[in-house]
Protein backbone atom coordinates (compact mmCIF):
# COMPACT_ATOMS: atom_id res chain seq x y z
CA MET A 1 113.28 86.24 115.84
CA LYS A 2 116.21 86.96 113.22
CA PHE A 3 116.71 89.87 111.00
CA PHE A 4 117.25 89.25 107.51
CA LYS A 5 120.33 91.60 107.08
CA ASP A 6 122.04 89.31 109.76
CA LEU A 7 121.20 85.98 107.58
CA LYS A 8 124.28 84.38 105.81
CA LYS A 9 124.07 83.82 102.04
CA SER A 10 123.15 80.25 102.64
CA GLU A 11 120.37 81.07 104.87
CA LYS A 12 118.79 83.64 102.55
CA SER A 13 118.86 81.08 99.87
CA LYS A 14 117.04 78.48 102.17
CA PHE A 15 114.70 81.20 103.42
CA PHE A 16 113.43 81.98 99.55
CA LYS A 17 113.23 78.36 98.85
CA SER A 18 110.78 77.95 101.88
CA PHE A 19 107.71 79.42 100.42
CA ASP A 20 105.73 79.46 97.21
CA LEU A 21 102.96 81.86 97.88
CA VAL A 22 103.31 85.31 99.33
CA PHE A 23 100.34 87.63 101.13
CA CYS A 24 101.55 90.65 101.57
CA ASP A 25 100.19 94.08 103.29
CA CYS A 26 100.31 97.30 101.77
CA ASP A 27 100.07 100.30 103.91
CA GLY A 28 103.16 100.72 105.74
CA VAL A 29 104.69 97.68 103.71
CA ILE A 30 104.40 99.28 100.02
CA TRP A 31 102.94 102.67 100.95
CA GLN A 32 104.38 104.67 103.50
CA ASN A 33 101.05 106.92 103.05
CA LEU A 34 98.05 106.36 101.09
CA HIS A 35 99.87 107.22 97.77
CA ASP A 36 103.65 107.71 97.81
CA ALA A 37 105.81 104.39 97.38
CA LEU A 38 108.43 103.47 99.78
CA PRO A 39 112.06 103.33 98.36
CA GLY A 40 113.05 100.23 96.88
CA VAL A 41 109.78 97.95 97.30
CA ALA A 42 108.64 97.49 93.69
CA GLY A 43 112.33 96.13 93.18
CA ALA A 44 111.67 93.75 95.95
CA VAL A 45 108.15 92.80 94.71
CA ASN A 46 109.44 92.10 91.22
CA HIS A 47 112.35 90.19 92.79
CA LEU A 48 110.19 87.74 94.54
CA ILE A 49 108.03 87.26 91.19
CA GLU A 50 111.19 86.55 89.26
CA LEU A 51 111.95 83.89 91.72
CA GLY A 52 108.79 82.38 90.82
CA LYS A 53 106.62 83.71 93.74
CA LYS A 54 102.93 84.16 93.64
CA ILE A 55 102.14 87.65 95.15
CA VAL A 56 99.06 88.80 96.54
CA PHE A 57 98.22 91.45 98.37
CA VAL A 58 95.56 91.35 101.37
CA THR A 59 94.71 95.18 102.99
CA ASN A 60 92.28 96.21 105.51
CA ASN A 61 91.97 99.52 103.71
CA SER A 62 88.54 99.66 102.08
CA LEU A 63 88.58 103.55 101.58
CA ILE A 64 90.25 103.88 98.35
CA PRO A 65 88.36 101.90 95.43
CA SER A 66 90.16 98.95 94.24
CA GLU A 67 90.71 100.54 90.30
CA LEU A 68 92.77 103.38 92.03
CA GLN A 69 94.55 100.81 94.08
CA LEU A 70 95.57 98.64 91.07
CA GLU A 71 96.58 102.29 89.51
CA LYS A 72 98.46 102.89 92.18
CA PHE A 73 100.82 99.56 91.70
CA SER A 74 100.92 99.88 87.83
CA LYS A 75 102.53 103.40 88.14
CA ILE A 76 105.14 102.03 90.27
CA ASN A 77 105.86 98.85 87.92
CA ILE A 78 104.06 96.47 89.97
CA ASN A 79 101.62 94.50 87.66
CA ILE A 80 99.18 92.49 89.69
CA GLU A 81 95.90 90.82 88.63
CA LYS A 82 92.27 92.12 90.52
CA HIS A 83 91.79 88.89 92.01
CA HIS A 84 95.32 88.96 93.68
CA PHE A 85 94.45 92.10 95.41
CA ILE A 86 92.20 91.37 98.65
CA HIS A 87 90.40 94.04 100.59
CA PRO A 88 87.44 93.92 103.18
CA ALA A 89 84.47 94.89 100.85
CA GLN A 90 85.36 92.36 98.38
CA SER A 91 85.99 89.33 101.19
CA ILE A 92 82.61 90.42 102.41
CA ALA A 93 80.99 90.39 99.25
CA ASP A 94 82.28 86.69 98.21
CA TYR A 95 81.41 85.71 101.64
CA LEU A 96 77.93 86.79 101.22
CA GLU A 97 77.79 85.16 97.66
CA SER A 98 78.47 82.24 98.94
CA LEU A 99 75.62 82.06 101.11
CA LYS A 100 73.21 83.14 98.58
CA PHE A 101 72.35 86.05 100.39
CA ASN A 102 69.89 88.45 99.21
CA GLY A 103 68.57 90.49 102.01
CA LEU A 104 68.81 94.21 103.03
CA ILE A 105 72.32 95.40 104.54
CA LEU A 106 72.82 98.42 107.23
CA CYS A 107 76.40 99.34 106.07
CA PHE A 108 79.24 101.25 108.26
CA GLY A 109 81.87 101.86 105.55
CA SER A 110 83.43 104.31 103.42
CA PRO A 111 81.75 105.42 100.13
CA ALA A 112 84.17 103.16 98.21
CA PHE A 113 83.62 100.37 100.32
CA LYS A 114 79.64 100.95 100.29
CA THR A 115 79.99 101.51 96.56
CA TYR A 116 81.73 98.13 95.86
CA LEU A 117 78.95 96.16 97.65
CA GLN A 118 75.99 97.98 95.71
CA ASP A 119 78.38 96.99 92.42
CA ARG A 120 78.35 93.50 93.60
CA GLY A 121 74.43 93.63 93.30
CA PHE A 122 73.70 94.06 97.31
CA GLN A 123 71.11 96.34 98.66
CA LEU A 124 72.19 98.58 101.23
CA VAL A 125 69.63 100.96 103.50
CA GLN A 126 69.69 104.38 102.51
CA GLY A 127 69.34 107.67 104.42
CA CYS A 128 71.31 106.49 107.59
CA ASP A 129 74.47 108.67 107.03
CA GLY A 130 72.98 111.84 108.41
CA LEU A 131 72.07 113.37 111.59
CA VAL A 132 68.63 113.41 113.44
CA GLY A 133 67.12 116.18 115.08
CA ASN A 134 66.99 116.87 118.81
CA SER A 135 63.34 115.60 119.22
CA ILE A 136 62.51 112.21 120.82
CA ILE A 137 60.22 111.53 118.54
CA GLU A 138 62.37 111.93 115.53
CA LEU A 139 65.37 109.58 117.11
CA ARG A 140 63.27 106.82 118.12
CA ASN A 141 61.51 106.58 114.67
CA ALA A 142 65.48 106.67 113.39
CA ILE A 143 66.17 103.82 115.71
CA TYR A 144 63.48 101.69 115.59
CA SER A 145 62.85 101.09 111.96
CA THR A 146 60.75 98.87 110.08
CA ASP A 147 63.39 97.79 107.68
CA MET A 148 63.76 93.99 107.38
CA VAL A 149 67.70 94.21 107.49
CA LYS A 150 69.24 90.98 107.21
CA ALA A 151 72.85 91.84 107.98
CA VAL A 152 74.49 94.65 109.78
CA VAL A 153 78.18 95.00 108.04
CA MET A 154 80.77 96.94 110.10
CA ASP A 155 84.30 98.55 108.56
CA VAL A 156 85.68 102.13 108.97
CA GLU A 157 83.26 104.81 108.71
CA PHE A 158 84.57 108.23 109.71
CA ASN A 159 81.07 109.69 110.14
CA CYS A 160 79.42 106.99 112.12
CA THR A 161 76.34 108.62 114.49
CA ALA A 162 75.55 107.03 117.72
CA TRP A 163 71.61 106.80 116.63
CA LYS A 164 72.95 104.68 113.50
CA LEU A 165 74.95 102.19 116.25
CA MET A 166 71.62 101.82 117.74
CA ARG A 167 69.57 101.15 115.15
CA ALA A 168 72.08 98.29 114.16
CA GLN A 169 72.06 97.19 117.73
CA MET A 170 68.12 96.97 117.53
CA HIS A 171 68.39 94.97 114.12
CA LEU A 172 70.80 92.52 116.04
CA LYS A 173 68.14 91.36 118.48
CA ASP A 174 67.49 89.29 115.81
CA PRO A 175 69.42 86.13 115.65
CA GLU A 176 68.91 85.37 112.06
CA CYS A 177 70.43 89.00 111.35
CA LEU A 178 74.27 88.46 110.36
CA LEU A 179 77.18 90.67 112.01
CA ILE A 180 79.78 91.05 109.62
CA ALA A 181 83.01 93.17 110.30
CA GLY A 182 85.65 93.84 107.78
CA ALA A 183 88.71 95.74 109.11
CA ALA A 184 89.47 94.30 112.37
CA ASP A 185 91.98 96.34 113.80
CA PRO A 186 92.10 97.49 117.48
CA LYS A 187 93.49 100.43 116.58
CA VAL A 188 93.48 102.33 113.02
CA PRO A 189 96.64 104.02 112.09
CA PHE A 190 96.47 107.47 110.36
CA GLY A 191 98.57 110.45 109.71
CA GLY A 192 100.98 108.74 112.61
CA HIS A 193 98.44 108.07 115.34
CA ASP A 194 96.56 105.01 116.17
CA PHE A 195 92.86 105.92 116.57
CA ILE A 196 89.96 103.42 117.83
CA GLY A 197 89.06 100.74 115.55
CA LYS A 198 87.48 98.18 117.46
CA ASN A 199 83.87 96.93 116.53
CA VAL A 200 81.84 98.29 119.63
CA LEU A 201 78.49 96.45 118.31
CA GLU A 202 80.39 93.19 119.75
CA ASP A 203 80.36 94.60 123.36
CA ALA A 204 76.85 96.20 122.90
CA THR A 205 74.82 93.04 121.52
CA GLU A 206 77.12 90.33 123.21
CA ARG A 207 77.46 88.72 119.50
CA LYS A 208 80.70 87.76 118.11
CA ALA A 209 81.03 89.28 114.13
CA ILE A 210 82.48 87.08 111.35
CA VAL A 211 85.55 88.95 110.42
CA LEU A 212 86.52 89.21 107.13
CA GLY A 213 89.62 91.43 107.45
CA LYS A 214 92.73 90.76 109.37
CA PRO A 215 93.12 89.51 111.94
CA GLY A 216 89.78 87.63 111.49
CA CYS A 217 88.87 84.04 111.36
CA GLY A 218 86.67 84.22 108.51
CA LEU A 219 89.31 85.79 106.16
CA LYS A 220 91.59 82.75 107.10
CA ASP A 221 89.20 80.29 105.89
CA MET A 222 88.53 82.32 103.05
CA LEU A 223 91.94 82.37 101.73
CA LEU A 224 92.94 78.71 102.54
CA GLN A 225 89.79 77.95 100.32
CA LYS A 226 90.48 80.48 97.61
CA PHE A 227 94.09 79.80 96.93
CA ASN A 228 93.76 76.11 97.19
CA ILE A 229 96.39 76.30 100.30
CA GLN A 230 97.53 72.42 101.00
CA HIS A 231 100.73 73.22 102.51
CA LYS A 232 100.38 76.29 105.11
CA ASN A 233 104.13 76.03 106.03
CA ARG A 234 104.98 76.98 102.35
CA VAL A 235 103.24 80.53 102.85
CA LEU A 236 104.59 83.76 103.83
CA PHE A 237 102.46 86.84 105.15
CA ILE A 238 104.31 89.82 105.03
CA GLY A 239 103.20 93.17 107.41
CA ASP A 240 104.03 95.86 109.30
CA SER A 241 101.63 95.57 112.31
CA LEU A 242 102.19 92.67 115.07
CA LYS A 243 98.63 92.34 115.89
CA SER A 244 97.07 92.44 112.31
CA ASP A 245 99.81 91.14 110.35
CA ILE A 246 101.72 88.98 111.98
CA GLN A 247 99.10 87.55 114.80
CA PHE A 248 97.17 86.66 111.63
CA GLY A 249 99.91 84.95 109.72
CA LYS A 250 100.63 83.04 112.67
CA MET A 251 97.14 81.80 113.43
CA CYS A 252 97.07 80.79 109.52
CA GLY A 253 99.98 78.76 110.24
CA PHE A 254 102.33 80.67 107.47
CA GLN A 255 105.67 81.71 107.81
CA THR A 256 105.69 85.32 108.91
CA MET A 257 107.96 88.52 107.90
CA LEU A 258 107.61 91.72 109.92
CA VAL A 259 109.20 95.18 108.16
CA LEU A 260 109.93 98.32 110.45
CA THR A 261 108.22 100.87 107.74
CA GLY A 262 105.07 101.22 109.00
CA ALA A 263 103.21 100.66 112.55
CA THR A 264 105.75 98.76 114.30
CA LYS A 265 109.27 100.42 115.23
CA LEU A 266 112.33 98.35 116.58
CA ARG A 267 111.34 100.03 120.11
CA ASP A 268 108.02 98.16 119.41
CA LEU A 269 109.56 95.12 118.68
CA GLU A 270 112.08 95.34 121.66
CA GLN A 271 109.21 95.76 123.84
CA PHE A 272 106.93 92.70 122.32
CA ALA A 273 110.08 90.40 122.50
CA HIS A 274 110.49 90.83 126.25
CA GLN A 275 106.80 89.87 126.91
CA ASN A 276 106.26 87.21 124.02
CA ASP A 277 107.86 83.89 123.79
CA ASP A 278 106.97 82.49 120.30
CA THR A 279 104.17 84.76 118.90
CA GLY A 280 106.78 87.26 117.16
CA PRO A 281 107.53 87.25 113.64
CA ASP A 282 109.91 84.61 112.13
CA ILE A 283 111.76 87.55 110.03
CA VAL A 284 112.28 90.88 110.82
CA ALA A 285 113.60 93.44 107.81
CA GLU A 286 114.08 97.08 108.20
CA SER A 287 112.16 97.42 104.93
CA LEU A 288 110.94 95.00 102.22
CA LYS A 289 113.86 96.59 99.85
CA ASP A 290 116.37 94.57 101.93
CA ILE A 291 115.25 91.38 100.24
CA ILE A 292 116.95 92.69 97.09
CA PRO A 293 120.33 91.01 96.44
CA LEU A 294 123.04 93.28 96.44
CA VAL A 295 124.85 93.04 93.57
């Protein structure tokens, strides 16, 4: 691992010439919370654009509508095209369209996530977001639904209920029913702490989900095809998470840059370096703003 600040001028120049396309995470790299931009990041992104680099933002955050996400970028003078902002709901919709899917979906996700799928023309099961009574009969009727569900989609849903998970488990007994996951973080960072984020349905059903968020193989295949990537080593992935970002970038065959403004701190990186040989980031920066050349 190399720290960007320690590179010589010639090494920095060589680094910038080594990639053409940049995939960049958002939370922890651009935003220090859901709304506030980290100091200097707008200048760093625009510096990459001035160097002729194509920038695509890849996030696991589907909690905020993509229109609002794009507005946030615009307010800090980062102008990106809609199709250069990738989030799990979009990746899942693209994947289902590629399958010409037209069945009913049982969806676990935020209101913005569900609205996005519906706006793309997909039909979601309704009436699954509340509580059931204490009656065994009510619980049985809720779990053993007669709806012809053809896909279960898992993302972050803060009001997830046990009975809805049980219902999904019953639908997934049908081998033709798809199991698709968006955000695949082992833990979800929120308010300075990490919370449970693993897809529990995989363990319950003994099925592997098609993962279309970081660090899923499904997202890897989608990005390679969508952006017609012929030379993986000419791509740089920038992120703040060793697992979701750096592991994903390595799996894709990309160069990787870790910034220390989000989920990973210097002490975490040092501990990781002692335990791993070749799975760490290629370049480490204290902040994305470090790449701006000093005048």
